[in-house]
Protein backbone atom coordinates (compact mmCIF):
# COMPACT_ATOMS: atom_id res chain seq x y z
CA SER A 1 69.11 142.95 161.00
CA ASP A 2 72.65 143.80 159.86
CA GLY A 3 72.10 142.13 156.46
CA THR A 4 73.99 138.94 157.27
CA LYS A 5 72.38 135.57 156.86
CA SER A 6 72.01 133.23 159.79
CA TYR A 7 72.50 129.47 159.31
CA THR A 8 70.71 128.25 162.40
CA HIS A 9 68.72 125.33 160.95
CA SER A 10 70.12 122.17 162.47
CA LEU A 11 70.67 120.52 159.07
CA LEU A 12 72.62 123.51 157.72
CA TYR A 13 74.67 124.75 160.59
CA THR A 14 76.01 123.39 163.81
CA PRO A 15 78.48 125.77 165.47
CA PRO A 16 81.95 124.24 165.30
CA LYS A 17 83.43 122.99 168.57
CA LYS A 18 87.20 122.72 168.82
CA THR A 19 87.05 119.85 171.35
CA THR A 20 84.56 117.76 169.42
CA PRO A 21 85.99 115.30 166.83
CA ARG A 22 84.62 115.90 163.30
CA ARG A 23 82.07 113.59 161.80
CA ALA A 24 83.23 111.29 159.00
CA LEU A 25 81.70 111.90 155.57
CA VAL A 26 81.69 108.25 154.55
CA ALA A 27 80.88 105.05 156.43
CA GLU A 28 82.17 101.54 155.76
CA ASP A 29 78.77 100.73 154.24
CA ASP A 30 79.42 103.37 151.57
CA ARG A 31 82.54 101.52 150.27
CA LEU A 32 80.48 99.26 147.95
CA LEU A 33 78.50 102.23 146.53
CA VAL A 34 81.38 104.25 145.07
CA THR A 35 84.75 103.76 143.41
CA LYS A 36 87.83 103.05 145.52
CA TYR A 37 89.21 106.43 144.48
CA LEU A 38 86.13 108.39 145.59
CA PHE A 39 85.92 106.51 148.89
CA LEU A 40 89.57 107.22 149.65
CA LEU A 41 89.12 110.86 148.68
CA MET A 42 86.08 111.35 150.87
CA GLU A 43 87.75 109.54 153.79
CA GLN A 44 90.30 112.40 153.78
CA MET A 45 87.60 115.06 154.13
CA GLN A 46 85.48 116.29 157.02
CA PRO A 47 82.70 118.85 157.43
CA CYS A 48 83.66 122.41 158.34
CA HIS A 49 82.11 125.86 158.45
CA PHE A 50 83.24 129.10 156.88
CA THR A 51 85.00 131.51 159.25
CA GLU A 52 86.28 135.10 158.93
CA GLU A 53 89.82 133.66 158.69
CA ASP A 54 88.82 131.87 155.48
CA ARG A 55 88.32 135.26 153.78
CA THR A 56 92.02 136.11 153.88
CA GLY A 57 93.87 132.82 154.46
CA GLY A 58 95.62 130.73 151.88
CA ARG A 59 94.34 130.59 148.32
CA SER A 60 90.78 131.38 149.18
CA LYS A 61 88.72 132.79 146.28
CA VAL A 62 85.77 133.40 148.59
CA LYS A 63 86.01 136.92 149.90
CA ASP A 64 82.82 138.88 150.20
CA ASN A 65 79.94 136.65 149.17
CA MET A 66 80.19 133.92 151.83
CA ASP A 67 78.48 134.06 155.21
CA VAL A 68 80.25 132.91 158.41
CA GLY A 69 78.89 129.48 159.31
CA PHE A 70 78.24 128.35 155.71
CA PRO A 71 78.89 124.57 155.57
CA GLY A 72 81.75 123.12 153.52
CA LEU A 73 84.43 120.45 153.38
CA GLU A 74 88.03 120.45 154.58
CA CYS A 75 90.94 118.13 154.23
CA LYS A 76 91.42 116.52 157.64
CA HIS A 77 95.20 116.85 157.19
CA CYS A 78 94.95 120.65 156.58
CA THR A 79 92.76 121.44 159.56
CA GLY A 80 93.69 124.70 161.25
CA LYS A 81 95.24 126.29 158.13
CA ALA A 82 92.63 128.89 157.12
CA GLY A 83 92.01 128.93 153.37
CA PHE A 84 94.01 125.77 152.68
CA GLY A 85 92.21 122.56 151.92
CA ARG A 86 88.82 124.08 152.66
CA TYR A 87 86.05 124.04 150.04
CA PHE A 88 82.71 125.85 150.09
CA PRO A 89 80.63 124.80 147.08
């Protein structure tokens, strides 16, 4: 092994596909469970996965300690702008 971690478990990592629309984080049924603010905020987000471009793009603070494929969230309006609007908790 080259020392990198592999996120192959189906719940942790699904390889991103450019042609497949992203899955919504919230459903209409969730609206009654959270505040209006939180629902609106989460409506603007979508799942994403860490890429090599995220290491250098934008305001990314994640440089060396994140593995490619690590799941995170991104603003659906910032899609395609590496490092901007992408969060990896």
